[in-house]
C-alpha atoms as a PDB file:
ATOM      1  CA  MET A   1     -41.809 -67.253   4.995  1.00  0.00           C
ATOM      2  CA  SER A   2     -44.771 -69.611   4.909  1.00  0.00           C
ATOM      3  CA  ASP A   3     -42.792 -72.264   6.779  1.00  0.00           C
ATOM      4  CA  ALA A   4     -42.040 -69.760   9.538  1.00  0.00           C
ATOM      5  CA  LEU A   5     -45.720 -68.858   9.919  1.00  0.00           C
ATOM      6  CA  GLN A   6     -46.950 -72.436   9.768  1.00  0.00           C
ATOM      7  CA  PRO A   7     -46.836 -73.012  13.558  1.00  0.00           C
ATOM      8  CA  VAL A   8     -48.769 -69.767  14.119  1.00  0.00           C
ATOM      9  CA  ILE A   9     -51.680 -70.441  11.748  1.00  0.00           C
ATOM     10  CA  PRO A  10     -53.498 -72.971  14.023  1.00  0.00           C
ATOM     11  CA  HIS A  11     -53.554 -70.367  16.794  1.00  0.00           C
ATOM     12  CA  ILE A  12     -55.231 -67.651  14.715  1.00  0.00           C
ATOM     13  CA  PRO A  13     -58.872 -68.727  15.384  1.00  0.00           C
ATOM     14  CA  ALA A  14     -58.259 -68.993  19.144  1.00  0.00           C
ATOM     15  CA  PHE A  15     -56.419 -65.667  19.155  1.00  0.00           C
ATOM     16  CA  LEU A  16     -59.328 -63.973  17.381  1.00  0.00           C
ATOM     17  CA  LEU A  17     -61.842 -65.421  19.837  1.00  0.00           C
ATOM     18  CA  VAL A  18     -59.781 -64.155  22.779  1.00  0.00           C
ATOM     19  CA  MET A  19     -59.644 -60.738  21.114  1.00  0.00           C
ATOM     20  CA  PHE A  20     -63.415 -60.653  20.584  1.00  0.00           C
ATOM     21  CA  ARG A  21     -64.057 -61.596  24.221  1.00  0.00           C
ATOM     22  CA  LEU A  22     -61.756 -58.769  25.226  1.00  0.00           C
ATOM     23  CA  THR A  23     -63.433 -56.397  22.764  1.00  0.00           C
ATOM     24  CA  GLY A  24     -66.747 -56.916  24.572  1.00  0.00           C
ATOM     25  CA  ILE A  25     -65.591 -54.853  27.556  1.00  0.00           C
ATOM     26  CA  PHE A  26     -65.089 -51.885  25.221  1.00  0.00           C
ATOM     27  CA  VAL A  27     -68.879 -51.703  24.795  1.00  0.00           C
ATOM     28  CA  PHE A  28     -69.929 -50.932  28.403  1.00  0.00           C
ATOM     29  CA  ALA A  29     -66.973 -51.083  30.802  1.00  0.00           C
ATOM     30  CA  PRO A  30     -66.013 -47.750  32.391  1.00  0.00           C
ATOM     31  CA  VAL A  31     -62.834 -46.162  30.996  1.00  0.00           C
ATOM     32  CA  PHE A  32     -62.524 -48.814  28.267  1.00  0.00           C
ATOM     33  CA  ALA A  33     -65.836 -47.887  26.599  1.00  0.00           C
ATOM     34  CA  SER A  34     -65.413 -44.130  26.936  1.00  0.00           C
ATOM     35  CA  SER A  35     -65.785 -42.379  23.598  1.00  0.00           C
ATOM     36  CA  ALA A  36     -63.515 -39.660  25.006  1.00  0.00           C
ATOM     37  CA  VAL A  37     -60.675 -42.095  24.321  1.00  0.00           C
ATOM     38  CA  PRO A  38     -59.807 -42.053  20.599  1.00  0.00           C
ATOM     39  CA  ARG A  39     -61.042 -45.096  18.701  1.00  0.00           C
ATOM     40  CA  THR A  40     -57.551 -45.817  17.394  1.00  0.00           C
ATOM     41  CA  ALA A  41     -56.208 -45.909  20.943  1.00  0.00           C
ATOM     42  CA  ARG A  42     -58.962 -48.338  22.012  1.00  0.00           C
ATOM     43  CA  VAL A  43     -58.222 -50.629  19.061  1.00  0.00           C
ATOM     44  CA  MET A  44     -54.514 -50.629  19.830  1.00  0.00           C
ATOM     45  CA  LEU A  45     -55.259 -51.284  23.510  1.00  0.00           C
ATOM     46  CA  ALA A  46     -57.480 -54.234  22.554  1.00  0.00           C
ATOM     47  CA  PHE A  47     -54.714 -55.727  20.393  1.00  0.00           C
ATOM     48  CA  SER A  48     -52.077 -55.140  23.075  1.00  0.00           C
ATOM     49  CA  LEU A  49     -54.186 -56.736  25.815  1.00  0.00           C
ATOM     50  CA  THR A  50     -54.964 -59.701  23.558  1.00  0.00           C
ATOM     51  CA  PHE A  51     -51.277 -60.316  22.917  1.00  0.00           C
ATOM     52  CA  ALA A  52     -50.646 -60.124  26.681  1.00  0.00           C
ATOM     53  CA  ILE A  53     -53.595 -62.316  27.728  1.00  0.00           C
ATOM     54  CA  TYR A  54     -53.570 -65.025  25.053  1.00  0.00           C
ATOM     55  CA  PRO A  55     -50.383 -66.822  26.224  1.00  0.00           C
ATOM     56  CA  ILE A  56     -51.724 -67.203  29.792  1.00  0.00           C
ATOM     57  CA  THR A  57     -55.213 -68.401  28.857  1.00  0.00           C
ATOM     58  CA  PRO A  58     -56.130 -72.088  28.449  1.00  0.00           C
ATOM     59  CA  ALA A  59     -57.000 -71.430  24.792  1.00  0.00           C
ATOM     60  CA  HIS A  60     -56.514 -74.558  22.739  1.00  0.00           C
ATOM     61  CA  GLU A  61     -55.822 -74.594  19.059  1.00  0.00           C
ATOM     62  CA  LEU A  62     -59.061 -74.437  17.096  1.00  0.00           C
ATOM     63  CA  VAL A  63     -58.951 -76.103  13.716  1.00  0.00           C
ATOM     64  CA  GLN A  64     -61.465 -77.423  11.214  1.00  0.00           C
ATOM     65  CA  MET A  65     -64.039 -74.735  11.929  1.00  0.00           C
ATOM     66  CA  ASN A  66     -66.615 -73.631   9.404  1.00  0.00           C
ATOM     67  CA  VAL A  67     -67.846 -70.078   8.915  1.00  0.00           C
ATOM     68  CA  MET A  68     -71.172 -70.513  10.736  1.00  0.00           C
ATOM     69  CA  SER A  69     -69.620 -71.984  13.853  1.00  0.00           C
ATOM     70  CA  MET A  70     -67.000 -69.239  13.867  1.00  0.00           C
ATOM     71  CA  ILE A  71     -69.710 -66.531  13.705  1.00  0.00           C
ATOM     72  CA  TRP A  72     -71.577 -68.093  16.638  1.00  0.00           C
ATOM     73  CA  MET A  73     -68.360 -68.348  18.683  1.00  0.00           C
ATOM     74  CA  ILE A  74     -67.507 -64.706  17.966  1.00  0.00           C
ATOM     75  CA  LEU A  75     -70.941 -63.599  19.201  1.00  0.00           C
ATOM     76  CA  SER A  76     -70.600 -65.847  22.238  1.00  0.00           C
ATOM     77  CA  GLU A  77     -67.196 -64.413  23.113  1.00  0.00           C
ATOM     78  CA  MET A  78     -68.377 -60.827  22.727  1.00  0.00           C
ATOM     79  CA  MET A  79     -71.313 -61.575  25.045  1.00  0.00           C
ATOM     80  CA  VAL A  80     -68.873 -62.591  27.811  1.00  0.00           C
ATOM     81  CA  GLY A  81     -67.045 -59.279  27.573  1.00  0.00           C
ATOM     82  CA  ILE A  82     -70.296 -57.322  27.303  1.00  0.00           C
ATOM     83  CA  VAL A  83     -71.720 -58.988  30.441  1.00  0.00           C
ATOM     84  CA  ILE A  84     -68.556 -58.209  32.417  1.00  0.00           C
ATOM     85  CA  GLY A  85     -68.449 -54.601  31.226  1.00  0.00           C
ATOM     86  CA  TYR A  86     -72.170 -54.089  31.828  1.00  0.00           C
ATOM     87  CA  VAL A  87     -72.066 -55.386  35.405  1.00  0.00           C
ATOM     88  CA  ILE A  88     -69.006 -53.271  36.226  1.00  0.00           C
ATOM     89  CA  SER A  89     -70.674 -50.160  34.760  1.00  0.00           C
ATOM     90  CA  LEU A  90     -73.932 -50.548  36.732  1.00  0.00           C
ATOM     91  CA  PRO A  91     -72.781 -48.583  39.830  1.00  0.00           C
ATOM     92  CA  LEU A  92     -71.729 -45.658  37.643  1.00  0.00           C
ATOM     93  CA  MET A  93     -75.073 -45.787  35.845  1.00  0.00           C
ATOM     94  CA  ALA A  94     -76.798 -45.679  39.242  1.00  0.00           C
ATOM     95  CA  ILE A  95     -74.803 -42.568  40.179  1.00  0.00           C
ATOM     96  CA  GLN A  96     -75.869 -40.934  36.910  1.00  0.00           C
ATOM     97  CA  VAL A  97     -79.541 -41.752  37.534  1.00  0.00           C
ATOM     98  CA  GLY A  98     -79.418 -40.446  41.097  1.00  0.00           C
ATOM     99  CA  MET A  99     -77.590 -37.264  40.120  1.00  0.00           C
ATOM    100  CA  GLN A 100     -79.945 -36.689  37.197  1.00  0.00           C
ATOM    101  CA  LEU A 101     -82.864 -36.770  39.632  1.00  0.00           C
ATOM    102  CA  MET A 102     -81.055 -34.344  41.891  1.00  0.00           C
ATOM    103  CA  GLY A 103     -80.202 -32.012  39.025  1.00  0.00           C
ATOM    104  CA  GLN A 104     -83.794 -31.917  37.831  1.00  0.00           C
ATOM    105  CA  GLN A 105     -85.092 -31.084  41.305  1.00  0.00           C
ATOM    106  CA  LEU A 106     -82.499 -28.331  41.678  1.00  0.00           C
ATOM    107  CA  GLY A 107     -83.455 -26.823  38.337  1.00  0.00           C
ATOM    108  CA  LEU A 108     -79.998 -27.468  36.879  1.00  0.00           C
ATOM    109  CA  ALA A 109     -81.313 -29.635  34.052  1.00  0.00           C
ATOM    110  CA  PHE A 110     -81.855 -26.488  31.971  1.00  0.00           C
ATOM    111  CA  ALA A 111     -78.078 -26.143  31.522  1.00  0.00           C
ATOM    112  CA  ASN A 112     -77.126 -29.326  29.700  1.00  0.00           C
ATOM    113  CA  ILE A 113     -73.897 -30.397  28.058  1.00  0.00           C
ATOM    114  CA  VAL A 114     -73.018 -33.316  25.811  1.00  0.00           C
ATOM    115  CA  ASP A 115     -71.907 -36.419  27.692  1.00  0.00           C
ATOM    116  CA  PRO A 116     -68.849 -37.713  25.795  1.00  0.00           C
ATOM    117  CA  ASP A 117     -69.512 -41.280  26.983  1.00  0.00           C
ATOM    118  CA  THR A 118     -73.120 -41.600  25.817  1.00  0.00           C
ATOM    119  CA  GLY A 119     -73.387 -38.772  23.311  1.00  0.00           C
ATOM    120  CA  GLY A 120     -76.599 -37.637  25.019  1.00  0.00           C
ATOM    121  CA  GLN A 121     -77.513 -34.529  27.001  1.00  0.00           C
ATOM    122  CA  THR A 122     -76.728 -34.373  30.695  1.00  0.00           C
ATOM    123  CA  SER A 123     -76.537 -31.640  33.290  1.00  0.00           C
ATOM    124  CA  VAL A 124     -73.228 -30.174  34.432  1.00  0.00           C
ATOM    125  CA  PHE A 125     -73.997 -31.305  37.983  1.00  0.00           C
ATOM    126  CA  THR A 126     -74.558 -34.909  36.864  1.00  0.00           C
ATOM    127  CA  GLN A 127     -71.401 -34.940  34.743  1.00  0.00           C
ATOM    128  CA  ALA A 128     -69.279 -33.539  37.577  1.00  0.00           C
ATOM    129  CA  MET A 129     -70.486 -36.192  40.027  1.00  0.00           C
ATOM    130  CA  TYR A 130     -70.058 -38.907  37.389  1.00  0.00           C
ATOM    131  CA  LEU A 131     -66.419 -37.904  36.922  1.00  0.00           C
ATOM    132  CA  PHE A 132     -66.023 -37.968  40.707  1.00  0.00           C
ATOM    133  CA  ALA A 133     -67.436 -41.515  40.806  1.00  0.00           C
ATOM    134  CA  LEU A 134     -65.195 -42.505  37.875  1.00  0.00           C
ATOM    135  CA  THR A 135     -62.187 -41.273  39.842  1.00  0.00           C
ATOM    136  CA  ILE A 136     -63.212 -43.484  42.776  1.00  0.00           C
ATOM    137  CA  PHE A 137     -63.623 -46.376  40.321  1.00  0.00           C
ATOM    138  CA  ILE A 138     -60.028 -45.940  39.153  1.00  0.00           C
ATOM    139  CA  ILE A 139     -58.753 -45.555  42.737  1.00  0.00           C
ATOM    140  CA  LEU A 140     -60.441 -48.874  43.587  1.00  0.00           C
ATOM    141  CA  ASP A 141     -58.563 -50.458  40.645  1.00  0.00           C
ATOM    142  CA  GLY A 142     -61.866 -51.150  38.928  1.00  0.00           C
ATOM    143  CA  HIS A 143     -60.175 -51.149  35.516  1.00  0.00           C
ATOM    144  CA  HIS A 144     -57.712 -53.778  36.711  1.00  0.00           C
ATOM    145  CA  ALA A 145     -60.574 -55.809  38.223  1.00  0.00           C
ATOM    146  CA  THR A 146     -62.362 -55.711  34.859  1.00  0.00           C
ATOM    147  CA  ILE A 147     -59.371 -57.239  33.112  1.00  0.00           C
ATOM    148  CA  GLY A 148     -58.893 -59.703  35.980  1.00  0.00           C
ATOM    149  CA  ALA A 149     -62.501 -60.887  35.707  1.00  0.00           C
ATOM    150  CA  LEU A 150     -62.044 -61.291  31.962  1.00  0.00           C
ATOM    151  CA  ILE A 151     -58.943 -63.427  32.476  1.00  0.00           C
ATOM    152  CA  ARG A 152     -60.705 -65.554  35.107  1.00  0.00           C
ATOM    153  CA  SER A 153     -63.607 -66.150  32.718  1.00  0.00           C
ATOM    154  CA  PHE A 154     -61.355 -68.332  30.568  1.00  0.00           C
ATOM    155  CA  ASP A 155     -61.073 -70.831  33.441  1.00  0.00           C
ATOM    156  CA  SER A 156     -64.832 -71.415  33.644  1.00  0.00           C
ATOM    157  CA  VAL A 157     -66.077 -70.518  30.149  1.00  0.00           C
ATOM    158  CA  PRO A 158     -64.141 -72.144  27.293  1.00  0.00           C
ATOM    159  CA  LEU A 159     -63.785 -70.376  23.990  1.00  0.00           C
ATOM    160  CA  GLY A 160     -67.130 -70.337  22.218  1.00  0.00           C
ATOM    161  CA  GLY A 161     -68.790 -72.080  25.156  1.00  0.00           C
ATOM    162  CA  PHE A 162     -70.753 -69.231  26.713  1.00  0.00           C
ATOM    163  CA  VAL A 163     -74.503 -69.881  26.776  1.00  0.00           C
ATOM    164  CA  PRO A 164     -76.787 -67.403  28.604  1.00  0.00           C
ATOM    165  CA  ASP A 165     -79.013 -69.216  31.090  1.00  0.00           C
ATOM    166  CA  GLY A 166     -81.544 -68.501  33.793  1.00  0.00           C
ATOM    167  CA  GLU A 167     -78.900 -68.221  36.503  1.00  0.00           C
ATOM    168  CA  LEU A 168     -77.225 -65.359  34.654  1.00  0.00           C
ATOM    169  CA  LEU A 169     -80.576 -63.608  34.325  1.00  0.00           C
ATOM    170  CA  ILE A 170     -81.193 -63.967  38.064  1.00  0.00           C
ATOM    171  CA  VAL A 171     -77.764 -62.487  38.860  1.00  0.00           C
ATOM    172  CA  LEU A 172     -78.295 -59.537  36.515  1.00  0.00           C
ATOM    173  CA  THR A 173     -81.764 -58.894  37.937  1.00  0.00           C
ATOM    174  CA  GLY A 174     -80.367 -58.858  41.466  1.00  0.00           C
ATOM    175  CA  LEU A 175     -77.614 -56.457  40.433  1.00  0.00           C
ATOM    176  CA  LEU A 176     -80.131 -54.129  38.774  1.00  0.00           C
ATOM    177  CA  THR A 177     -82.115 -54.084  42.019  1.00  0.00           C
ATOM    178  CA  VAL A 178     -78.996 -53.108  43.944  1.00  0.00           C
ATOM    179  CA  MET A 179     -78.217 -50.374  41.414  1.00  0.00           C
ATOM    180  CA  PHE A 180     -81.692 -48.843  41.675  1.00  0.00           C
ATOM    181  CA  GLU A 181     -81.301 -48.927  45.449  1.00  0.00           C
ATOM    182  CA  LEU A 182     -78.002 -47.043  45.115  1.00  0.00           C
ATOM    183  CA  ALA A 183     -79.648 -44.421  42.872  1.00  0.00           C
ATOM    184  CA  ILE A 184     -82.358 -43.887  45.498  1.00  0.00           C
ATOM    185  CA  ARG A 185     -79.774 -43.725  48.302  1.00  0.00           C
ATOM    186  CA  VAL A 186     -77.896 -41.056  46.348  1.00  0.00           C
ATOM    187  CA  ALA A 187     -80.946 -38.899  45.589  1.00  0.00           C
ATOM    188  CA  ALA A 188     -83.055 -39.499  48.732  1.00  0.00           C
ATOM    189  CA  PRO A 189     -81.346 -36.997  51.110  1.00  0.00           C
ATOM    190  CA  LEU A 190     -81.739 -34.137  48.654  1.00  0.00           C
ATOM    191  CA  LEU A 191     -85.287 -35.111  47.704  1.00  0.00           C
ATOM    192  CA  CYS A 192     -86.298 -35.153  51.387  1.00  0.00           C
ATOM    193  CA  LEU A 193     -84.644 -31.794  52.015  1.00  0.00           C
ATOM    194  CA  LEU A 194     -86.308 -30.207  48.991  1.00  0.00           C
ATOM    195  CA  PHE A 195     -89.663 -31.593  50.111  1.00  0.00           C
ATOM    196  CA  LEU A 196     -89.241 -29.859  53.456  1.00  0.00           C
ATOM    197  CA  GLN A 197     -88.054 -26.672  51.724  1.00  0.00           C
ATOM    198  CA  THR A 198     -91.056 -26.693  49.388  1.00  0.00           C
ATOM    199  CA  THR A 199     -93.415 -27.222  52.321  1.00  0.00           C
ATOM    200  CA  ALA A 200     -91.789 -24.402  54.273  1.00  0.00           C
ATOM    201  CA  MET A 201     -91.972 -22.066  51.293  1.00  0.00           C
ATOM    202  CA  GLY A 202     -95.663 -22.908  50.946  1.00  0.00           C
ATOM    203  CA  PHE A 203     -96.282 -21.782  54.529  1.00  0.00           C
ATOM    204  CA  VAL A 204     -94.247 -18.626  53.908  1.00  0.00           C
ATOM    205  CA  ALA A 205     -96.279 -17.855  50.782  1.00  0.00           C
ATOM    206  CA  LYS A 206     -99.499 -18.128  52.783  1.00  0.00           C
ATOM    207  CA  THR A 207     -98.304 -16.030  55.716  1.00  0.00           C
ATOM    208  CA  VAL A 208     -96.360 -13.415  53.706  1.00  0.00           C
ATOM    209  CA  PRO A 209     -98.180 -13.101  50.363  1.00  0.00           C
ATOM    210  CA  GLN A 210     -96.184  -9.962  49.465  1.00  0.00           C
ATOM    211  CA  LEU A 211     -93.001 -12.056  49.235  1.00  0.00           C
ATOM    212  CA  ASN A 212     -92.009 -13.247  45.750  1.00  0.00           C
ATOM    213  CA  ILE A 213     -91.615 -16.978  46.382  1.00  0.00           C
ATOM    214  CA  LEU A 214     -90.240 -17.719  42.901  1.00  0.00           C
ATOM    215  CA  SER A 215     -87.347 -15.266  43.198  1.00  0.00           C
ATOM    216  CA  LEU A 216     -86.503 -16.607  46.663  1.00  0.00           C
ATOM    217  CA  GLY A 217     -87.297 -20.290  46.230  1.00  0.00           C
ATOM    218  CA  PHE A 218     -85.020 -21.200  43.321  1.00  0.00           C
ATOM    219  CA  PRO A 219     -81.770 -19.665  44.692  1.00  0.00           C
ATOM    220  CA  LEU A 220     -82.533 -21.120  48.134  1.00  0.00           C
ATOM    221  CA  ARG A 221     -83.157 -24.539  46.603  1.00  0.00           C
ATOM    222  CA  ILE A 222     -79.827 -24.481  44.746  1.00  0.00           C
ATOM    223  CA  MET A 223     -77.900 -23.334  47.830  1.00  0.00           C
ATOM    224  CA  LEU A 224     -79.496 -26.037  49.990  1.00  0.00           C
ATOM    225  CA  GLY A 225     -78.821 -28.649  47.309  1.00  0.00           C
ATOM    226  CA  PHE A 226     -75.139 -27.823  46.925  1.00  0.00           C
ATOM    227  CA  GLY A 227     -74.693 -27.507  50.675  1.00  0.00           C
ATOM    228  CA  LEU A 228     -76.262 -30.914  51.276  1.00  0.00           C
ATOM    229  CA  THR A 229     -74.224 -32.502  48.470  1.00  0.00           C
ATOM    230  CA  ILE A 230     -70.991 -31.206  49.963  1.00  0.00           C
ATOM    231  CA  GLY A 231     -72.073 -32.407  53.398  1.00  0.00           C
ATOM    232  CA  VAL A 232     -72.973 -35.956  52.355  1.00  0.00           C
ATOM    233  CA  VAL A 233     -70.300 -36.478  49.670  1.00  0.00           C
ATOM    234  CA  ALA A 234     -68.327 -38.728  52.025  1.00  0.00           C
ATOM    235  CA  MET A 235     -71.424 -40.852  52.685  1.00  0.00           C
ATOM    236  CA  LEU A 236     -72.164 -41.048  48.954  1.00  0.00           C
ATOM    237  CA  SER A 237     -68.569 -42.113  48.298  1.00  0.00           C
ATOM    238  CA  GLU A 238     -68.821 -44.922  50.857  1.00  0.00           C
ATOM    239  CA  ALA A 239     -72.128 -46.115  49.389  1.00  0.00           C
ATOM    240  CA  PHE A 240     -70.673 -46.097  45.883  1.00  0.00           C
ATOM    241  CA  MET A 241     -67.532 -47.964  46.959  1.00  0.00           C
ATOM    242  CA  GLU A 242     -69.637 -50.562  48.762  1.00  0.00           C
ATOM    243  CA  VAL A 243     -71.778 -51.234  45.693  1.00  0.00           C
ATOM    244  CA  MET A 244     -68.763 -51.101  43.370  1.00  0.00           C
ATOM    245  CA  ARG A 245     -66.997 -53.771  45.394  1.00  0.00           C
ATOM    246  CA  TYR A 246     -70.205 -55.825  45.362  1.00  0.00           C
ATOM    247  CA  ALA A 247     -70.435 -55.580  41.560  1.00  0.00           C
ATOM    248  CA  ILE A 248     -66.786 -56.579  41.126  1.00  0.00           C
ATOM    249  CA  SER A 249     -67.250 -59.503  43.518  1.00  0.00           C
ATOM    250  CA  ALA A 250     -70.379 -60.581  41.620  1.00  0.00           C
ATOM    251  CA  VAL A 251     -68.471 -60.612  38.338  1.00  0.00           C
ATOM    252  CA  PHE A 252     -65.682 -62.741  39.812  1.00  0.00           C
ATOM    253  CA  ASP A 253     -68.184 -65.132  41.383  1.00  0.00           C
ATOM    254  CA  MET A 254     -70.088 -65.341  38.113  1.00  0.00           C
ATOM    255  CA  PHE A 255     -67.031 -66.742  36.341  1.00  0.00           C
ATOM    256  CA  THR A 256     -65.583 -68.827  39.165  1.00  0.00           C
ATOM    257  CA  PRO A 257     -65.235 -72.468  38.064  1.00  0.00           C
END
């Protein structure tokens, strides 16, 4: 039995490092990091993907490694997966931020539910639009692009060779700027409309003081908000797809040798 396993033993360290790099995407990447997926299923998926990816990666046999170097390499490999998953998840985070702003302005933040992905409180409106954006992410093959970027990373970043530098920080800063811009683009139409509605209701309150502005303003605000959201959903989808493609392209460029 030991003789049969002897050729496999030198590959164990490299296999584990590949698995830890893959495990990093289960921290932030959409779909893969969702806590709605049972933990056992995510572990089995990580093992299955590792067995599929390891034979096609330029992973050389790692021998004569001490414990300290192995710990550093494990952390380095997990950072690669975390960076890929984080960059891919930024557009979805931007959608959540924009929709959270919209939900608060519409007064829908009072009815919160538990977000299964983060474990925190979020409005029903925000969660519905997040699931809509997640559907677009899957239609764009974002989950396949995540795995593809991970596989490409082996060509430019050898096992245990990832070192964060200033260039990576510049790329992440630029991506964060784009994501905040997307959040503003998502929320801006509604915020402008509600500003006009609030101004108009102020004039109405001055000219018709007998009218109960509170009983009229909140339902009108919600109707205008939902009507505008339905009207601009196609525009929001295009903006999200544009930024999603940009994020995927940035990840591939980041790990292009």
